[in-house]
N, C-alpha and C. Protein backbone atom coordinates (compact mmCIF):
# COMPACT_ATOMS: atom_id res chain seq x y z
N LEU A 1 -6.11 -10.18 -8.18
CA LEU A 1 -4.90 -10.88 -7.78
C LEU A 1 -4.33 -10.30 -6.48
N SER A 2 -4.29 -8.97 -6.38
CA SER A 2 -3.71 -8.37 -5.18
C SER A 2 -4.54 -8.67 -3.94
N SER A 3 -5.88 -8.76 -4.10
CA SER A 3 -6.71 -9.09 -2.93
C SER A 3 -6.47 -10.54 -2.49
N ARG A 4 -6.19 -11.41 -3.45
CA ARG A 4 -5.88 -12.80 -3.08
C ARG A 4 -4.55 -12.87 -2.32
N LEU A 5 -3.56 -12.12 -2.80
CA LEU A 5 -2.27 -12.09 -2.11
C LEU A 5 -2.41 -11.48 -0.72
N GLU A 6 -3.22 -10.44 -0.62
CA GLU A 6 -3.46 -9.83 0.69
C GLU A 6 -4.11 -10.86 1.62
N GLY A 7 -4.99 -11.69 1.08
CA GLY A 7 -5.63 -12.75 1.86
C GLY A 7 -4.62 -13.75 2.39
N VAL A 8 -3.59 -14.04 1.59
CA VAL A 8 -2.53 -14.96 2.04
C VAL A 8 -1.80 -14.34 3.24
N GLN A 9 -1.49 -13.05 3.14
CA GLN A 9 -0.82 -12.38 4.26
C GLN A 9 -1.72 -12.36 5.49
N ARG A 10 -3.01 -12.12 5.29
CA ARG A 10 -3.94 -12.11 6.43
C ARG A 10 -3.97 -13.47 7.12
N ARG A 11 -4.05 -14.54 6.31
CA ARG A 11 -4.07 -15.89 6.90
C ARG A 11 -2.75 -16.22 7.59
N PHE A 12 -1.64 -15.83 6.99
CA PHE A 12 -0.35 -16.13 7.58
C PHE A 12 -0.17 -15.43 8.91
N THR A 13 -0.59 -14.18 9.00
CA THR A 13 -0.41 -13.45 10.26
C THR A 13 -1.27 -14.03 11.38
N ARG A 14 -2.33 -14.75 11.03
CA ARG A 14 -3.15 -15.42 12.06
C ARG A 14 -2.40 -16.57 12.71
N LEU A 15 -1.41 -17.13 12.01
CA LEU A 15 -0.69 -18.29 12.52
C LEU A 15 0.35 -17.95 13.57
N ILE A 16 0.70 -16.70 13.69
CA ILE A 16 1.75 -16.28 14.62
C ILE A 16 1.19 -16.28 16.04
N ASP A 17 1.96 -16.84 16.98
CA ASP A 17 1.52 -16.93 18.37
C ASP A 17 1.00 -15.60 18.88
N GLY A 18 -0.18 -15.63 19.47
CA GLY A 18 -0.77 -14.45 20.07
C GLY A 18 -1.41 -13.47 19.10
N MET A 19 -1.43 -13.81 17.81
CA MET A 19 -1.97 -12.89 16.81
C MET A 19 -3.31 -13.35 16.24
N GLY A 20 -3.63 -14.60 16.38
CA GLY A 20 -4.80 -15.16 15.71
C GLY A 20 -6.12 -14.49 16.07
N HIS A 21 -6.22 -13.94 17.25
CA HIS A 21 -7.48 -13.33 17.70
C HIS A 21 -7.60 -11.85 17.35
N LEU A 22 -6.52 -11.23 16.91
CA LEU A 22 -6.52 -9.80 16.63
C LEU A 22 -7.06 -9.49 15.23
N PRO A 23 -7.69 -8.35 15.05
CA PRO A 23 -8.06 -7.92 13.69
C PRO A 23 -6.80 -7.71 12.85
N TYR A 24 -6.95 -7.78 11.55
CA TYR A 24 -5.83 -7.68 10.61
C TYR A 24 -5.02 -6.40 10.83
N SER A 25 -5.68 -5.27 11.01
CA SER A 25 -4.96 -4.01 11.17
C SER A 25 -4.07 -4.04 12.41
N GLU A 26 -4.54 -4.64 13.48
CA GLU A 26 -3.75 -4.73 14.71
C GLU A 26 -2.59 -5.71 14.54
N ARG A 27 -2.83 -6.80 13.81
CA ARG A 27 -1.74 -7.75 13.55
C ARG A 27 -0.63 -7.05 12.75
N LEU A 28 -1.02 -6.26 11.75
CA LEU A 28 -0.03 -5.52 10.96
C LEU A 28 0.76 -4.57 11.84
N GLY A 29 0.05 -3.85 12.73
CA GLY A 29 0.72 -2.92 13.62
C GLY A 29 1.70 -3.60 14.56
N CYS A 30 1.28 -4.70 15.15
CA CYS A 30 2.15 -5.44 16.07
C CYS A 30 3.39 -5.99 15.37
N LEU A 31 3.22 -6.42 14.13
CA LEU A 31 4.33 -7.00 13.37
C LEU A 31 5.12 -5.95 12.59
N GLN A 32 4.70 -4.70 12.69
CA GLN A 32 5.32 -3.58 11.96
C GLN A 32 5.36 -3.85 10.46
N LEU A 33 4.22 -4.32 9.95
CA LEU A 33 4.05 -4.57 8.51
C LEU A 33 3.06 -3.58 7.94
N THR A 34 3.03 -3.48 6.63
CA THR A 34 2.01 -2.72 5.94
C THR A 34 1.26 -3.66 5.02
N THR A 35 0.17 -3.18 4.46
CA THR A 35 -0.56 -4.02 3.51
C THR A 35 0.29 -4.19 2.26
N LEU A 36 0.02 -5.24 1.53
CA LEU A 36 0.75 -5.47 0.29
C LEU A 36 0.47 -4.36 -0.72
N ALA A 37 -0.73 -3.82 -0.71
CA ALA A 37 -1.07 -2.73 -1.62
C ALA A 37 -0.20 -1.51 -1.35
N GLU A 38 0.01 -1.19 -0.08
CA GLU A 38 0.86 -0.05 0.27
C GLU A 38 2.30 -0.31 -0.16
N ARG A 39 2.77 -1.54 0.06
CA ARG A 39 4.14 -1.87 -0.35
C ARG A 39 4.31 -1.78 -1.86
N ARG A 40 3.25 -2.11 -2.60
CA ARG A 40 3.32 -2.00 -4.05
C ARG A 40 3.50 -0.54 -4.47
N PHE A 41 2.71 0.36 -3.89
CA PHE A 41 2.83 1.78 -4.23
C PHE A 41 4.18 2.34 -3.79
N ARG A 42 4.66 1.91 -2.64
CA ARG A 42 5.98 2.36 -2.18
C ARG A 42 7.05 1.89 -3.16
N GLY A 43 6.95 0.64 -3.59
CA GLY A 43 7.89 0.11 -4.57
C GLY A 43 7.81 0.85 -5.90
N ASP A 44 6.60 1.22 -6.30
CA ASP A 44 6.43 2.01 -7.53
C ASP A 44 7.13 3.35 -7.41
N LEU A 45 7.02 3.98 -6.25
CA LEU A 45 7.69 5.27 -6.03
C LEU A 45 9.21 5.12 -6.05
N ILE A 46 9.70 4.03 -5.50
CA ILE A 46 11.15 3.78 -5.52
C ILE A 46 11.63 3.59 -6.95
N GLU A 47 10.88 2.83 -7.74
CA GLU A 47 11.24 2.63 -9.16
C GLU A 47 11.16 3.94 -9.93
N THR A 48 10.20 4.78 -9.59
CA THR A 48 10.09 6.10 -10.23
C THR A 48 11.30 6.95 -9.90
N PHE A 49 11.74 6.90 -8.64
CA PHE A 49 12.94 7.63 -8.25
C PHE A 49 14.14 7.14 -9.05
N LYS A 50 14.25 5.82 -9.18
CA LYS A 50 15.37 5.26 -9.96
C LYS A 50 15.30 5.72 -11.42
N ALA A 51 14.09 5.77 -11.98
CA ALA A 51 13.93 6.22 -13.36
C ALA A 51 14.27 7.70 -13.48
N TYR A 52 13.82 8.50 -12.53
CA TYR A 52 14.09 9.93 -12.54
C TYR A 52 15.60 10.20 -12.54
N ASN A 53 16.34 9.41 -11.80
CA ASN A 53 17.79 9.56 -11.71
C ASN A 53 18.53 8.67 -12.71
N ASP A 54 17.79 8.02 -13.60
CA ASP A 54 18.33 7.14 -14.65
C ASP A 54 19.21 6.04 -14.09
N ILE A 55 18.80 5.49 -12.94
CA ILE A 55 19.53 4.40 -12.31
C ILE A 55 19.14 3.06 -12.95
N ASN A 56 17.86 2.93 -13.32
CA ASN A 56 17.37 1.67 -13.87
C ASN A 56 17.16 1.71 -15.39
N GLY A 57 17.54 2.79 -16.03
CA GLY A 57 17.43 2.88 -17.48
C GLY A 57 16.01 3.09 -17.99
N LEU A 58 15.10 3.48 -17.12
CA LEU A 58 13.70 3.66 -17.53
C LEU A 58 13.28 5.12 -17.57
N LYS A 59 14.23 6.03 -17.59
CA LYS A 59 13.91 7.45 -17.56
C LYS A 59 13.02 7.84 -18.74
N HIS A 60 13.20 7.17 -19.86
CA HIS A 60 12.47 7.52 -21.08
C HIS A 60 10.97 7.22 -21.00
N ILE A 61 10.52 6.38 -20.06
CA ILE A 61 9.09 6.07 -20.01
C ILE A 61 8.28 7.13 -19.28
N PHE A 62 8.95 8.02 -18.55
CA PHE A 62 8.27 9.11 -17.85
C PHE A 62 8.45 10.41 -18.60
N LYS A 63 7.48 11.26 -18.48
CA LYS A 63 7.58 12.60 -19.03
C LYS A 63 7.60 13.57 -17.85
N PHE A 64 8.76 14.18 -17.63
CA PHE A 64 8.91 15.08 -16.48
C PHE A 64 8.66 16.52 -16.91
N SER A 65 8.18 17.33 -15.97
CA SER A 65 7.88 18.73 -16.25
C SER A 65 9.17 19.50 -16.54
N SER A 66 9.01 20.74 -16.95
CA SER A 66 10.18 21.54 -17.33
C SER A 66 11.14 21.75 -16.16
N HIS A 67 10.63 21.84 -14.94
CA HIS A 67 11.54 21.94 -13.80
C HIS A 67 11.93 20.56 -13.30
N ARG A 68 11.59 19.54 -14.05
CA ARG A 68 12.12 18.18 -14.02
C ARG A 68 11.86 17.33 -12.79
N SER A 69 11.12 17.80 -11.82
CA SER A 69 10.91 16.91 -10.68
C SER A 69 9.48 16.38 -10.63
N LYS A 70 8.59 16.94 -11.42
CA LYS A 70 7.20 16.47 -11.42
C LYS A 70 6.93 15.67 -12.69
N ILE A 71 6.04 14.68 -12.58
CA ILE A 71 5.66 13.87 -13.73
C ILE A 71 4.40 14.45 -14.34
N VAL A 72 4.39 14.57 -15.65
CA VAL A 72 3.18 14.99 -16.35
C VAL A 72 2.59 13.78 -17.04
N SER A 73 1.31 13.81 -17.28
CA SER A 73 0.60 12.67 -17.84
C SER A 73 1.03 12.41 -19.27
N CYS A 74 1.16 11.15 -19.59
CA CYS A 74 1.44 10.74 -20.97
C CYS A 74 0.17 10.20 -21.63
N LEU A 75 -0.92 10.21 -20.88
CA LEU A 75 -2.18 9.65 -21.36
C LEU A 75 -2.77 10.52 -22.45
N LYS A 76 -2.98 9.92 -23.59
CA LYS A 76 -3.60 10.63 -24.72
C LYS A 76 -5.11 10.52 -24.56
N THR A 77 -5.78 11.66 -24.59
CA THR A 77 -7.23 11.66 -24.43
C THR A 77 -7.88 11.87 -25.79
N SER A 78 -7.74 10.91 -26.62
CA SER A 78 -8.35 10.96 -27.95
C SER A 78 -9.77 10.42 -27.88
N ASN A 79 -10.65 10.99 -28.69
CA ASN A 79 -12.03 10.51 -28.74
C ASN A 79 -12.13 9.15 -29.41
N ASN A 80 -11.09 8.77 -30.17
CA ASN A 80 -11.11 7.49 -30.88
C ASN A 80 -10.78 6.31 -29.98
N VAL A 81 -10.22 6.58 -28.79
CA VAL A 81 -9.80 5.52 -27.88
C VAL A 81 -10.97 5.14 -26.98
N SER A 82 -11.20 3.84 -26.87
CA SER A 82 -12.32 3.37 -26.05
C SER A 82 -12.04 3.60 -24.56
N ASN A 83 -13.11 3.60 -23.77
CA ASN A 83 -12.98 3.77 -22.32
C ASN A 83 -12.17 2.64 -21.70
N GLY A 84 -12.32 1.43 -22.26
CA GLY A 84 -11.58 0.28 -21.74
C GLY A 84 -10.08 0.47 -21.89
N VAL A 85 -9.66 1.01 -23.03
CA VAL A 85 -8.23 1.26 -23.26
C VAL A 85 -7.73 2.36 -22.32
N LYS A 86 -8.53 3.41 -22.14
CA LYS A 86 -8.15 4.49 -21.23
C LYS A 86 -8.01 3.97 -19.80
N LYS A 87 -8.96 3.11 -19.39
CA LYS A 87 -8.92 2.55 -18.04
C LYS A 87 -7.68 1.68 -17.86
N LEU A 88 -7.35 0.90 -18.89
CA LEU A 88 -6.16 0.05 -18.84
C LEU A 88 -4.90 0.89 -18.76
N HIS A 89 -4.85 1.97 -19.54
CA HIS A 89 -3.67 2.84 -19.55
C HIS A 89 -3.43 3.48 -18.19
N ARG A 90 -4.49 3.77 -17.45
CA ARG A 90 -4.34 4.38 -16.12
C ARG A 90 -3.68 3.43 -15.13
N ARG A 91 -3.64 2.15 -15.46
CA ARG A 91 -2.98 1.17 -14.58
C ARG A 91 -1.49 1.08 -14.84
N PHE A 92 -1.00 1.67 -15.93
CA PHE A 92 0.43 1.65 -16.22
C PHE A 92 1.18 2.39 -15.12
N LEU A 93 2.41 2.00 -14.91
CA LEU A 93 3.23 2.60 -13.86
C LEU A 93 3.28 4.12 -13.99
N THR A 94 3.45 4.62 -15.20
CA THR A 94 3.59 6.07 -15.39
C THR A 94 2.37 6.83 -14.91
N GLU A 95 1.19 6.28 -15.10
CA GLU A 95 -0.04 6.95 -14.65
C GLU A 95 -0.37 6.63 -13.21
N ARG A 96 -0.02 5.43 -12.78
CA ARG A 96 -0.34 4.99 -11.42
C ARG A 96 0.40 5.82 -10.38
N VAL A 97 1.63 6.22 -10.68
CA VAL A 97 2.43 6.93 -9.68
C VAL A 97 2.42 8.44 -9.84
N ARG A 98 1.86 8.94 -10.93
CA ARG A 98 1.96 10.37 -11.22
C ARG A 98 1.49 11.23 -10.05
N GLU A 99 0.27 11.03 -9.58
CA GLU A 99 -0.26 11.86 -8.48
C GLU A 99 0.50 11.62 -7.18
N LEU A 100 0.87 10.36 -6.92
CA LEU A 100 1.61 10.05 -5.70
C LEU A 100 2.97 10.75 -5.71
N TRP A 101 3.67 10.67 -6.84
CA TRP A 101 4.99 11.29 -6.97
C TRP A 101 4.90 12.81 -6.84
N ASN A 102 3.96 13.40 -7.57
CA ASN A 102 3.85 14.85 -7.59
C ASN A 102 3.45 15.43 -6.24
N LYS A 103 2.82 14.64 -5.40
CA LYS A 103 2.39 15.12 -4.08
C LYS A 103 3.53 15.05 -3.05
N LEU A 104 4.59 14.32 -3.37
CA LEU A 104 5.72 14.23 -2.44
C LEU A 104 6.46 15.57 -2.39
N PRO A 105 6.97 15.94 -1.21
CA PRO A 105 7.74 17.18 -1.12
C PRO A 105 9.06 17.04 -1.89
N SER A 106 9.62 18.15 -2.28
CA SER A 106 10.82 18.12 -3.12
C SER A 106 12.01 17.46 -2.41
N TYR A 107 12.12 17.60 -1.08
CA TYR A 107 13.26 16.98 -0.41
C TYR A 107 13.22 15.46 -0.53
N VAL A 108 12.04 14.88 -0.73
CA VAL A 108 11.94 13.44 -0.95
C VAL A 108 12.28 13.12 -2.40
N ARG A 109 11.64 13.81 -3.34
CA ARG A 109 11.85 13.55 -4.77
C ARG A 109 13.29 13.79 -5.20
N LEU A 110 13.95 14.76 -4.59
CA LEU A 110 15.30 15.14 -5.02
C LEU A 110 16.38 14.56 -4.12
N SER A 111 16.12 13.43 -3.50
CA SER A 111 17.11 12.77 -2.63
C SER A 111 18.35 12.40 -3.44
N ASP A 112 19.47 12.23 -2.74
CA ASP A 112 20.76 11.96 -3.39
C ASP A 112 20.94 10.51 -3.83
N SER A 113 20.30 9.58 -3.13
CA SER A 113 20.48 8.16 -3.43
C SER A 113 19.18 7.42 -3.16
N VAL A 114 19.14 6.17 -3.55
CA VAL A 114 17.95 5.35 -3.33
C VAL A 114 17.72 5.16 -1.83
N ILE A 115 18.78 4.91 -1.09
CA ILE A 115 18.64 4.72 0.36
C ILE A 115 18.13 6.01 1.01
N LYS A 116 18.67 7.13 0.60
CA LYS A 116 18.23 8.42 1.14
C LYS A 116 16.77 8.67 0.77
N PHE A 117 16.38 8.29 -0.46
CA PHE A 117 14.98 8.44 -0.89
C PHE A 117 14.06 7.61 0.01
N LYS A 118 14.43 6.36 0.27
CA LYS A 118 13.61 5.49 1.13
C LYS A 118 13.49 6.08 2.54
N CYS A 119 14.61 6.56 3.07
CA CYS A 119 14.58 7.16 4.41
C CYS A 119 13.71 8.41 4.44
N ASN A 120 13.86 9.27 3.43
CA ASN A 120 13.06 10.49 3.36
C ASN A 120 11.58 10.18 3.17
N LEU A 121 11.29 9.14 2.40
CA LEU A 121 9.91 8.73 2.18
C LEU A 121 9.27 8.28 3.50
N GLU A 122 9.98 7.47 4.26
CA GLU A 122 9.47 7.01 5.56
C GLU A 122 9.39 8.16 6.56
N LEU A 123 10.36 9.06 6.52
CA LEU A 123 10.34 10.22 7.40
C LEU A 123 9.12 11.09 7.09
N PHE A 124 8.87 11.33 5.82
CA PHE A 124 7.72 12.13 5.42
C PHE A 124 6.41 11.47 5.87
N LYS A 125 6.32 10.16 5.71
CA LYS A 125 5.13 9.43 6.15
C LYS A 125 4.94 9.56 7.66
N SER A 126 6.01 9.36 8.42
CA SER A 126 5.87 9.43 9.88
C SER A 126 5.53 10.84 10.35
N ILE A 127 6.07 11.87 9.68
CA ILE A 127 5.72 13.25 10.03
C ILE A 127 4.24 13.51 9.78
N CYS A 128 3.77 13.09 8.61
CA CYS A 128 2.35 13.31 8.27
C CYS A 128 1.44 12.59 9.25
N LEU A 129 1.77 11.34 9.59
CA LEU A 129 0.93 10.58 10.51
C LEU A 129 0.98 11.16 11.92
N SER A 130 2.16 11.59 12.38
CA SER A 130 2.26 12.11 13.74
C SER A 130 1.61 13.49 13.88
N GLU A 131 1.61 14.27 12.81
CA GLU A 131 1.00 15.60 12.87
C GLU A 131 -0.46 15.59 12.46
N GLY A 132 -0.98 14.41 12.14
CA GLY A 132 -2.39 14.29 11.79
C GLY A 132 -2.75 14.88 10.43
N ILE A 133 -1.77 14.98 9.54
CA ILE A 133 -2.02 15.49 8.19
C ILE A 133 -2.81 14.43 7.43
N SER A 134 -3.78 14.86 6.67
CA SER A 134 -4.64 13.94 5.92
C SER A 134 -3.81 13.03 5.03
N SER A 135 -4.17 11.75 5.01
CA SER A 135 -3.47 10.77 4.18
C SER A 135 -3.96 10.78 2.75
N GLU A 136 -4.98 11.54 2.48
CA GLU A 136 -5.60 11.56 1.16
C GLU A 136 -4.57 11.89 0.07
N GLY A 137 -4.44 10.99 -0.90
CA GLY A 137 -3.54 11.20 -2.02
C GLY A 137 -2.12 10.72 -1.80
N TYR A 138 -1.81 10.21 -0.60
CA TYR A 138 -0.49 9.68 -0.35
C TYR A 138 -0.52 8.16 -0.44
N TYR A 139 0.65 7.55 -0.69
CA TYR A 139 0.69 6.12 -0.95
C TYR A 139 0.20 5.27 0.21
N TRP A 140 0.35 5.74 1.46
CA TRP A 140 -0.07 4.92 2.60
C TRP A 140 -1.58 4.95 2.82
N ASN A 141 -2.28 5.82 2.13
CA ASN A 141 -3.74 5.87 2.26
C ASN A 141 -4.40 4.60 1.71
N VAL A 142 -3.73 3.92 0.79
CA VAL A 142 -4.30 2.70 0.22
C VAL A 142 -4.52 1.65 1.32
N SER A 143 -3.68 1.65 2.34
CA SER A 143 -3.88 0.71 3.46
C SER A 143 -5.14 1.06 4.24
N ASN A 144 -5.34 2.36 4.49
CA ASN A 144 -6.55 2.79 5.20
C ASN A 144 -7.81 2.40 4.42
N GLU A 145 -7.78 2.60 3.10
CA GLU A 145 -8.93 2.25 2.27
C GLU A 145 -9.19 0.76 2.30
N LEU A 146 -8.13 -0.03 2.17
CA LEU A 146 -8.27 -1.49 2.16
C LEU A 146 -8.78 -1.99 3.51
N LEU A 147 -8.21 -1.50 4.59
CA LEU A 147 -8.62 -1.96 5.91
C LEU A 147 -10.05 -1.54 6.25
N SER A 148 -10.47 -0.38 5.75
CA SER A 148 -11.86 0.04 6.01
C SER A 148 -12.85 -0.85 5.26
N LYS A 149 -12.43 -1.40 4.13
CA LYS A 149 -13.29 -2.33 3.41
C LYS A 149 -13.34 -3.69 4.10
N ILE A 150 -12.21 -4.10 4.65
CA ILE A 150 -12.13 -5.41 5.31
C ILE A 150 -12.78 -5.38 6.69
N GLU A 151 -12.42 -4.39 7.49
CA GLU A 151 -12.80 -4.36 8.90
C GLU A 151 -14.00 -3.45 9.15
N THR A 152 -15.11 -3.82 8.57
CA THR A 152 -16.35 -3.09 8.83
C THR A 152 -16.82 -3.43 10.24
N PRO A 153 -17.68 -2.61 10.83
CA PRO A 153 -18.17 -2.93 12.18
C PRO A 153 -18.83 -4.31 12.26
N SER A 154 -19.59 -4.68 11.24
CA SER A 154 -20.23 -6.00 11.28
C SER A 154 -19.19 -7.12 11.21
N TYR A 155 -18.12 -6.90 10.43
CA TYR A 155 -17.05 -7.89 10.36
C TYR A 155 -16.38 -8.04 11.72
N LEU A 156 -16.06 -6.92 12.36
CA LEU A 156 -15.38 -6.97 13.65
C LEU A 156 -16.24 -7.67 14.70
N MET A 157 -17.55 -7.44 14.65
CA MET A 157 -18.46 -8.09 15.61
C MET A 157 -18.50 -9.60 15.36
N SER A 158 -18.64 -10.00 14.11
CA SER A 158 -18.69 -11.43 13.81
C SER A 158 -17.34 -12.07 14.08
N ARG A 159 -16.27 -11.34 13.86
CA ARG A 159 -14.92 -11.84 14.13
C ARG A 159 -14.76 -12.10 15.63
N SER A 160 -15.27 -11.21 16.43
CA SER A 160 -15.19 -11.38 17.88
C SER A 160 -15.94 -12.64 18.31
N ARG A 161 -17.12 -12.84 17.74
CA ARG A 161 -17.89 -14.06 18.07
C ARG A 161 -17.15 -15.31 17.59
N GLN A 162 -16.53 -15.21 16.41
CA GLN A 162 -15.79 -16.35 15.87
C GLN A 162 -14.61 -16.70 16.77
N VAL A 163 -13.88 -15.72 17.24
CA VAL A 163 -12.73 -15.96 18.12
C VAL A 163 -13.20 -16.59 19.42
N ASP A 164 -14.30 -16.11 19.99
CA ASP A 164 -14.84 -16.71 21.21
C ASP A 164 -15.20 -18.17 20.98
N PHE A 165 -15.83 -18.45 19.85
CA PHE A 165 -16.20 -19.83 19.52
C PHE A 165 -14.95 -20.70 19.38
N LEU A 166 -13.95 -20.19 18.68
CA LEU A 166 -12.73 -20.97 18.46
C LEU A 166 -11.95 -21.20 19.75
N ARG A 167 -12.04 -20.28 20.69
CA ARG A 167 -11.39 -20.49 21.99
C ARG A 167 -12.04 -21.67 22.73
N GLU A 168 -13.36 -21.78 22.59
CA GLU A 168 -14.08 -22.87 23.24
C GLU A 168 -13.87 -24.20 22.53
N HIS A 169 -13.59 -24.15 21.23
CA HIS A 169 -13.44 -25.36 20.41
C HIS A 169 -12.07 -25.32 19.72
N SER A 170 -11.02 -25.54 20.46
CA SER A 170 -9.66 -25.38 19.94
C SER A 170 -9.34 -26.34 18.80
N PHE A 171 -9.99 -27.49 18.77
CA PHE A 171 -9.73 -28.44 17.69
C PHE A 171 -10.18 -27.87 16.34
N ILE A 172 -11.22 -27.05 16.34
CA ILE A 172 -11.66 -26.39 15.10
C ILE A 172 -10.69 -25.27 14.74
N ALA A 173 -10.18 -24.57 15.73
CA ALA A 173 -9.22 -23.49 15.48
C ALA A 173 -8.00 -24.03 14.75
N LYS A 174 -7.55 -25.22 15.15
CA LYS A 174 -6.39 -25.82 14.48
C LYS A 174 -6.69 -26.12 13.03
N LYS A 175 -7.90 -26.59 12.74
CA LYS A 175 -8.27 -26.88 11.35
C LYS A 175 -8.42 -25.61 10.53
N LYS A 176 -8.82 -24.52 11.15
CA LYS A 176 -9.00 -23.23 10.46
C LYS A 176 -7.71 -22.41 10.42
N TYR A 177 -6.62 -22.95 10.97
CA TYR A 177 -5.33 -22.27 11.00
C TYR A 177 -5.35 -20.98 11.81
N PHE A 178 -5.99 -21.04 12.96
CA PHE A 178 -5.99 -19.92 13.91
C PHE A 178 -5.05 -20.28 15.04
N ASN A 179 -4.17 -19.39 15.38
CA ASN A 179 -3.30 -19.59 16.52
C ASN A 179 -3.78 -18.64 17.61
N LEU A 180 -4.48 -19.17 18.59
CA LEU A 180 -5.09 -18.35 19.64
C LEU A 180 -4.25 -18.27 20.90
N ARG A 181 -3.06 -18.86 20.90
CA ARG A 181 -2.21 -18.81 22.09
C ARG A 181 -1.77 -17.38 22.36
N TYR A 182 -1.65 -17.07 23.63
CA TYR A 182 -1.22 -15.70 24.04
C TYR A 182 0.23 -15.71 24.44
């Protein structure tokens, strides 16, 4: 489902004047957008912050460590539970955000308000990206993973040929919903 929604965003960004010929990653950069997958993880972290501070009434679904800022796993590793159930349980919010939350610095996790948390989260992301710190294990890495799957070298080469073809045959570009105007 998320890949289909991402496809909708990819198609929509092609319709914007001057964007139709650019690769998806460049369109996102120009429009100052992120992938939907990254926004989902960011939203999960915001909801976790709200739960941690009991703003949304969901504090009881998380199990926090004794020093209360880290999440510990609630996943039961019983031999009686099938692999399918374990795999499904890892998709729950509590398991999905555990590593992402625990990797955040304390100044982000212990923010005073939701707005301050969002600002600190973005500040931390921009510091990591500007200093070249590895994205591995952080919520914004999901965009890098997704874009590397979409924008392979062969895809970029065929995309370039497709854009050249559509420039020569603008009537087809209109049918394919490409906006090639600069």
